[in-house]
PDB file of N, CA and C in Angstrom:
ATOM      1  N   MET A   1      93.717  40.242 201.759  1.00  0.00           N
ATOM      2  CA  MET A   1      93.736  41.538 200.779  1.00  0.00           C
ATOM      3  C   MET A   1      92.312  40.707 199.749  1.00  0.00           C
ATOM      4  N   ASN A   2      91.654  41.944 199.313  1.00  0.00           N
ATOM      5  CA  ASN A   2      91.268  41.479 198.659  1.00  0.00           C
ATOM      6  C   ASN A   2      91.574  41.548 196.824  1.00  0.00           C
ATOM      7  N   GLN A   3      91.375  41.079 195.963  1.00  0.00           N
ATOM      8  CA  GLN A   3      92.551  41.164 195.044  1.00  0.00           C
ATOM      9  C   GLN A   3      92.000  42.111 193.568  1.00  0.00           C
ATOM     10  N   SER A   4      90.833  42.491 193.998  1.00  0.00           N
ATOM     11  CA  SER A   4      90.477  43.556 192.640  1.00  0.00           C
ATOM     12  C   SER A   4      91.656  44.421 193.619  1.00  0.00           C
ATOM     13  N   ASN A   5      91.819  44.524 195.179  1.00  0.00           N
ATOM     14  CA  ASN A   5      92.349  45.923 195.991  1.00  0.00           C
ATOM     15  C   ASN A   5      93.788  45.867 195.727  1.00  0.00           C
ATOM     16  N   SER A   6      94.154  44.474 195.685  1.00  0.00           N
ATOM     17  CA  SER A   6      95.517  44.377 195.455  1.00  0.00           C
ATOM     18  C   SER A   6      96.495  45.461 194.861  1.00  0.00           C
ATOM     19  N   PRO A   7      97.418  45.465 194.763  1.00  0.00           N
ATOM     20  CA  PRO A   7      98.610  46.595 193.772  1.00  0.00           C
ATOM     21  C   PRO A   7      98.460  46.198 192.236  1.00  0.00           C
ATOM     22  N   GLU A   8      98.839  45.371 192.716  1.00  0.00           N
ATOM     23  CA  GLU A   8      99.021  45.000 190.908  1.00  0.00           C
ATOM     24  C   GLU A   8      97.706  45.097 190.309  1.00  0.00           C
ATOM     25  N   SER A   9      96.334  44.613 190.782  1.00  0.00           N
ATOM     26  CA  SER A   9      95.107  44.902 190.132  1.00  0.00           C
ATOM     27  C   SER A   9      94.682  46.460 189.621  1.00  0.00           C
ATOM     28  N   VAL A  10      95.393  47.093 190.754  1.00  0.00           N
ATOM     29  CA  VAL A  10      95.189  48.648 190.512  1.00  0.00           C
ATOM     30  C   VAL A  10      96.252  49.193 189.600  1.00  0.00           C
ATOM     31  N   ASN A  11      97.371  48.564 189.604  1.00  0.00           N
ATOM     32  CA  ASN A  11      98.140  49.289 188.485  1.00  0.00           C
ATOM     33  C   ASN A  11      97.408  49.389 187.300  1.00  0.00           C
ATOM     34  N   ALA A  12      97.028  47.222 187.028  1.00  0.00           N
ATOM     35  CA  ALA A  12      96.583  47.677 186.218  1.00  0.00           C
ATOM     36  C   ALA A  12      95.342  48.408 185.552  1.00  0.00           C
ATOM     37  N   ARG A  13      94.291  48.501 186.141  1.00  0.00           N
ATOM     38  CA  ARG A  13      93.114  49.756 186.568  1.00  0.00           C
ATOM     39  C   ARG A  13      94.100  50.812 186.305  1.00  0.00           C
ATOM     40  N   VAL A  14      94.904  51.191 186.488  1.00  0.00           N
ATOM     41  CA  VAL A  14      95.052  51.928 186.251  1.00  0.00           C
ATOM     42  C   VAL A  14      95.735  53.004 184.482  1.00  0.00           C
ATOM     43  N   VAL A  15      97.167  51.507 184.446  1.00  0.00           N
ATOM     44  CA  VAL A  15      97.941  51.425 183.266  1.00  0.00           C
ATOM     45  C   VAL A  15      96.207  51.783 182.199  1.00  0.00           C
ATOM     46  N   ALA A  16      95.222  50.702 182.051  1.00  0.00           N
ATOM     47  CA  ALA A  16      94.032  50.556 180.991  1.00  0.00           C
ATOM     48  C   ALA A  16      93.737  51.919 180.593  1.00  0.00           C
ATOM     49  N   ARG A  17      93.338  52.357 182.020  1.00  0.00           N
ATOM     50  CA  ARG A  17      92.558  53.717 181.637  1.00  0.00           C
ATOM     51  C   ARG A  17      93.485  55.170 180.927  1.00  0.00           C
ATOM     52  N   ILE A  18      94.604  54.827 182.238  1.00  0.00           N
ATOM     53  CA  ILE A  18      95.396  55.864 181.075  1.00  0.00           C
ATOM     54  C   ILE A  18      95.671  55.224 179.408  1.00  0.00           C
ATOM     55  N   GLU A  19      96.215  54.405 179.051  1.00  0.00           N
ATOM     56  CA  GLU A  19      96.184  54.241 177.677  1.00  0.00           C
ATOM     57  C   GLU A  19      95.084  54.066 176.757  1.00  0.00           C
ATOM     58  N   ALA A  20      93.953  54.068 177.859  1.00  0.00           N
ATOM     59  CA  ALA A  20      92.352  54.457 176.477  1.00  0.00           C
ATOM     60  C   ALA A  20      92.105  55.965 176.950  1.00  0.00           C
ATOM     61  N   ILE A  21      92.683  56.731 177.714  1.00  0.00           N
ATOM     62  CA  ILE A  21      92.930  58.286 177.132  1.00  0.00           C
ATOM     63  C   ILE A  21      93.841  58.664 175.708  1.00  0.00           C
ATOM     64  N   ILE A  22      94.959  58.124 176.263  1.00  0.00           N
ATOM     65  CA  ILE A  22      95.842  58.538 175.342  1.00  0.00           C
ATOM     66  C   ILE A  22      95.628  58.099 173.855  1.00  0.00           C
ATOM     67  N   ARG A  23      94.866  56.621 173.698  1.00  0.00           N
ATOM     68  CA  ARG A  23      94.171  56.133 172.093  1.00  0.00           C
ATOM     69  C   ARG A  23      93.296  56.601 171.955  1.00  0.00           C
ATOM     70  N   ARG A  24      92.256  57.814 172.762  1.00  0.00           N
ATOM     71  CA  ARG A  24      91.563  58.526 172.323  1.00  0.00           C
ATOM     72  C   ARG A  24      91.883  59.907 171.917  1.00  0.00           C
ATOM     73  N   LEU A  25      93.014  60.170 172.733  1.00  0.00           N
ATOM     74  CA  LEU A  25      93.663  61.678 172.081  1.00  0.00           C
ATOM     75  C   LEU A  25      94.485  61.421 170.644  1.00  0.00           C
ATOM     76  N   LYS A  26      95.187  60.344 170.768  1.00  0.00           N
ATOM     77  CA  LYS A  26      95.671  59.673 169.366  1.00  0.00           C
ATOM     78  C   LYS A  26      94.756  60.067 167.767  1.00  0.00           C
ATOM     79  N   ALA A  27      93.640  59.307 168.445  1.00  0.00           N
ATOM     80  CA  ALA A  27      92.185  59.629 167.400  1.00  0.00           C
ATOM     81  C   ALA A  27      91.719  60.904 167.635  1.00  0.00           C
ATOM     82  N   GLY A  28      92.117  61.572 168.382  1.00  0.00           N
ATOM     83  CA  GLY A  28      91.662  62.944 167.423  1.00  0.00           C
ATOM     84  C   GLY A  28      90.403  63.000 168.285  1.00  0.00           C
ATOM     85  N   GLN A  29      90.054  62.727 169.217  1.00  0.00           N
ATOM     86  CA  GLN A  29      88.223  61.775 170.098  1.00  0.00           C
ATOM     87  C   GLN A  29      88.491  62.641 171.111  1.00  0.00           C
ATOM     88  N   PRO A  30      87.266  63.741 171.100  1.00  0.00           N
ATOM     89  CA  PRO A  30      87.000  65.071 172.329  1.00  0.00           C
ATOM     90  C   PRO A  30      87.860  64.430 173.744  1.00  0.00           C
ATOM     91  N   PHE A  31      88.068  64.918 174.657  1.00  0.00           N
ATOM     92  CA  PHE A  31      88.519  64.049 176.420  1.00  0.00           C
ATOM     93  C   PHE A  31      88.531  65.713 176.837  1.00  0.00           C
ATOM     94  N   ASP A  32      87.564  65.312 178.389  1.00  0.00           N
ATOM     95  CA  ASP A  32      87.584  65.980 178.884  1.00  0.00           C
ATOM     96  C   ASP A  32      88.081  66.132 180.081  1.00  0.00           C
ATOM     97  N   TRP A  33      89.057  66.640 180.035  1.00  0.00           N
ATOM     98  CA  TRP A  33      90.342  66.726 181.146  1.00  0.00           C
ATOM     99  C   TRP A  33      89.448  66.787 182.301  1.00  0.00           C
ATOM    100  N   ASN A  34      88.368  67.584 183.087  1.00  0.00           N
ATOM    101  CA  ASN A  34      87.522  67.432 184.132  1.00  0.00           C
ATOM    102  C   ASN A  34      87.331  66.204 184.495  1.00  0.00           C
ATOM    103  N   ASP A  35      87.454  64.846 184.209  1.00  0.00           N
ATOM    104  CA  ASP A  35      87.027  63.915 184.306  1.00  0.00           C
ATOM    105  C   ASP A  35      87.788  62.976 184.282  1.00  0.00           C
ATOM    106  N   CYS A  36      88.958  64.285 184.248  1.00  0.00           N
ATOM    107  CA  CYS A  36      90.478  63.306 184.928  1.00  0.00           C
ATOM    108  C   CYS A  36      91.162  63.551 186.349  1.00  0.00           C
ATOM    109  N   GLU A  37      91.805  62.688 187.073  1.00  0.00           N
ATOM    110  CA  GLU A  37      92.154  62.665 188.450  1.00  0.00           C
ATOM    111  C   GLU A  37      93.955  63.974 187.539  1.00  0.00           C
ATOM    112  N   PHE A  38      94.184  64.441 188.654  1.00  0.00           N
ATOM    113  CA  PHE A  38      95.520  65.401 188.514  1.00  0.00           C
ATOM    114  C   PHE A  38      96.685  64.486 187.804  1.00  0.00           C
ATOM    115  N   TRP A  39      96.947  63.400 188.754  1.00  0.00           N
ATOM    116  CA  TRP A  39      98.145  62.820 188.417  1.00  0.00           C
ATOM    117  C   TRP A  39      98.066  61.620 186.866  1.00  0.00           C
ATOM    118  N   GLU A  40      96.641  61.747 186.656  1.00  0.00           N
ATOM    119  CA  GLU A  40      96.417  61.471 185.517  1.00  0.00           C
ATOM    120  C   GLU A  40      96.605  61.836 184.318  1.00  0.00           C
ATOM    121  N   TRP A  41      95.907  63.049 184.976  1.00  0.00           N
ATOM    122  CA  TRP A  41      96.403  64.369 183.693  1.00  0.00           C
ATOM    123  C   TRP A  41      97.911  64.186 183.418  1.00  0.00           C
ATOM    124  N   ARG A  42      98.645  63.958 184.646  1.00  0.00           N
ATOM    125  CA  ARG A  42     100.444  64.416 184.400  1.00  0.00           C
ATOM    126  C   ARG A  42     100.475  63.177 183.767  1.00  0.00           C
ATOM    127  N   LEU A  43     100.616  61.990 184.130  1.00  0.00           N
ATOM    128  CA  LEU A  43     100.711  61.150 183.686  1.00  0.00           C
ATOM    129  C   LEU A  43     100.905  61.161 182.082  1.00  0.00           C
ATOM    130  N   ILE A  44      99.682  61.891 181.492  1.00  0.00           N
ATOM    131  CA  ILE A  44      99.544  62.290 179.978  1.00  0.00           C
ATOM    132  C   ILE A  44     100.068  63.427 179.442  1.00  0.00           C
ATOM    133  N   GLU A  45     100.610  63.949 180.465  1.00  0.00           N
ATOM    134  CA  GLU A  45     101.593  65.052 180.031  1.00  0.00           C
ATOM    135  C   GLU A  45     102.746  64.131 179.738  1.00  0.00           C
ATOM    136  N   ILE A  46     103.748  63.682 180.507  1.00  0.00           N
ATOM    137  CA  ILE A  46     104.781  63.056 180.678  1.00  0.00           C
ATOM    138  C   ILE A  46     104.785  62.178 179.333  1.00  0.00           C
ATOM    139  N   TRP A  47     103.609  61.861 178.569  1.00  0.00           N
ATOM    140  CA  TRP A  47     103.785  60.761 177.347  1.00  0.00           C
ATOM    141  C   TRP A  47     103.873  61.420 176.433  1.00  0.00           C
ATOM    142  N   ARG A  48     102.841  62.988 176.369  1.00  0.00           N
ATOM    143  CA  ARG A  48     103.347  63.857 175.410  1.00  0.00           C
ATOM    144  C   ARG A  48     104.757  64.129 175.182  1.00  0.00           C
ATOM    145  N   ASP A  49     104.814  64.433 176.203  1.00  0.00           N
ATOM    146  CA  ASP A  49     106.472  65.158 176.017  1.00  0.00           C
ATOM    147  C   ASP A  49     107.247  63.680 175.561  1.00  0.00           C
ATOM    148  N   GLN A  50     107.498  62.954 175.952  1.00  0.00           N
ATOM    149  CA  GLN A  50     108.060  61.506 175.626  1.00  0.00           C
ATOM    150  C   GLN A  50     108.005  61.640 173.925  1.00  0.00           C
ATOM    151  N   GLU A  51     106.294  61.706 173.576  1.00  0.00           N
ATOM    152  CA  GLU A  51     106.433  61.950 172.337  1.00  0.00           C
ATOM    153  C   GLU A  51     107.099  62.084 171.545  1.00  0.00           C
ATOM    154  N   GLN A  52     107.148  63.889 171.740  1.00  0.00           N
ATOM    155  CA  GLN A  52     107.488  65.400 170.968  1.00  0.00           C
ATOM    156  C   GLN A  52     109.194  64.641 170.905  1.00  0.00           C
ATOM    157  N   ILE A  53     109.746  64.951 172.289  1.00  0.00           N
ATOM    158  CA  ILE A  53     110.991  64.050 172.401  1.00  0.00           C
ATOM    159  C   ILE A  53     111.757  63.329 171.355  1.00  0.00           C
ATOM    160  N   GLN A  54     110.752  61.986 171.363  1.00  0.00           N
ATOM    161  CA  GLN A  54     110.612  60.469 170.028  1.00  0.00           C
ATOM    162  C   GLN A  54     110.641  61.187 168.751  1.00  0.00           C
ATOM    163  N   GLU A  55     109.718  62.272 168.542  1.00  0.00           N
ATOM    164  CA  GLU A  55     109.847  63.167 167.019  1.00  0.00           C
ATOM    165  C   GLU A  55     111.123  63.939 166.842  1.00  0.00           C
ATOM    166  N   ARG A  56     111.353  64.431 168.024  1.00  0.00           N
ATOM    167  CA  ARG A  56     112.683  65.467 167.893  1.00  0.00           C
ATOM    168  C   ARG A  56     114.360  64.725 167.155  1.00  0.00           C
ATOM    169  N   ILE A  57     114.093  63.324 168.168  1.00  0.00           N
ATOM    170  CA  ILE A  57     115.528  62.253 167.855  1.00  0.00           C
ATOM    171  C   ILE A  57     115.121  62.256 166.562  1.00  0.00           C
ATOM    172  N   HIS A  58     113.470  61.808 165.560  1.00  0.00           N
ATOM    173  CA  HIS A  58     113.621  61.395 164.358  1.00  0.00           C
ATOM    174  C   HIS A  58     114.230  62.710 163.659  1.00  0.00           C
ATOM    175  N   LYS A  59     113.551  63.424 163.921  1.00  0.00           N
ATOM    176  CA  LYS A  59     113.900  63.943 162.906  1.00  0.00           C
ATOM    177  C   LYS A  59     115.395  64.838 163.195  1.00  0.00           C
ATOM    178  N   GLN A  60     115.772  64.686 163.767  1.00  0.00           N
ATOM    179  CA  GLN A  60     117.891  64.861 163.715  1.00  0.00           C
ATOM    180  C   GLN A  60     118.419  63.699 163.280  1.00  0.00           C
ATOM    181  N   LYS A  61     118.117  62.251 163.379  1.00  0.00           N
ATOM    182  CA  LYS A  61     118.340  61.820 162.734  1.00  0.00           C
ATOM    183  C   LYS A  61     118.157  61.577 160.969  1.00  0.00           C
ATOM    184  N   ILE A  62     116.974  61.659 160.400  1.00  0.00           N
ATOM    185  CA  ILE A  62     116.781  62.313 159.287  1.00  0.00           C
ATOM    186  C   ILE A  62     117.991  63.557 158.592  1.00  0.00           C
ATOM    187  N   SER A  63     117.955  64.474 159.406  1.00  0.00           N
ATOM    188  CA  SER A  63     118.521  65.885 159.152  1.00  0.00           C
ATOM    189  C   SER A  63     120.520  64.906 158.690  1.00  0.00           C
ATOM    190  N   VAL A  64     120.553  64.229 160.122  1.00  0.00           N
ATOM    191  CA  VAL A  64     122.183  63.914 160.012  1.00  0.00           C
ATOM    192  C   VAL A  64     122.261  63.149 158.943  1.00  0.00           C
ATOM    193  N   LEU A  65     121.126  62.086 158.466  1.00  0.00           N
ATOM    194  CA  LEU A  65     121.558  61.355 156.840  1.00  0.00           C
ATOM    195  C   LEU A  65     121.329  61.752 156.091  1.00  0.00           C
ATOM    196  N   LEU A  66     119.984  62.969 156.038  1.00  0.00           N
ATOM    197  CA  LEU A  66     120.325  63.960 154.707  1.00  0.00           C
ATOM    198  C   LEU A  66     122.391  64.552 154.620  1.00  0.00           C
ATOM    199  N   GLU A  67     122.543  65.478 156.171  1.00  0.00           N
ATOM    200  CA  GLU A  67     124.037  65.610 155.930  1.00  0.00           C
ATOM    201  C   GLU A  67     124.899  64.740 155.184  1.00  0.00           C
ATOM    202  N   VAL A  68     124.972  63.353 155.541  1.00  0.00           N
ATOM    203  CA  VAL A  68     125.925  62.789 155.330  1.00  0.00           C
ATOM    204  C   VAL A  68     125.808  61.726 153.647  1.00  0.00           C
ATOM    205  N   LEU A  69     124.601  61.932 152.910  1.00  0.00           N
ATOM    206  CA  LEU A  69     124.267  61.483 152.090  1.00  0.00           C
ATOM    207  C   LEU A  69     124.641  62.959 151.050  1.00  0.00           C
ATOM    208  N   MET A  70     124.034  63.990 151.410  1.00  0.00           N
ATOM    209  CA  MET A  70     124.876  65.001 150.550  1.00  0.00           C
ATOM    210  C   MET A  70     126.460  65.317 150.503  1.00  0.00           C
ATOM    211  N   LYS A  71     127.230  65.164 151.356  1.00  0.00           N
ATOM    212  CA  LYS A  71     128.623  65.130 151.296  1.00  0.00           C
ATOM    213  C   LYS A  71     128.927  63.452 150.285  1.00  0.00           C
ATOM    214  N   GLN A  72     128.352  62.694 150.358  1.00  0.00           N
ATOM    215  CA  GLN A  72     129.163  61.775 149.940  1.00  0.00           C
ATOM    216  C   GLN A  72     128.845  61.950 148.293  1.00  0.00           C
ATOM    217  N   ARG A  73     127.619  62.671 147.942  1.00  0.00           N
ATOM    218  CA  ARG A  73     127.792  62.998 146.260  1.00  0.00           C
ATOM    219  C   ARG A  73     128.464  63.939 145.551  1.00  0.00           C
TER     220      ARG A  73
END
């Protein structure tokens, strides 16, 4: 099998492409979603969902900490 088409090589290229797209989105750079394959778009949506979940967890932790601090006063 040609090394450039090995599963590891293909996976590395996919990961690099998705990471590059996510970096652009985080930086607020414009991105043409028409340049994306459906599966790439779906992976990015999953990443966004994960980011939102992590943000909610962080806010909940802060809320619980504030509640504990208020009770200790």
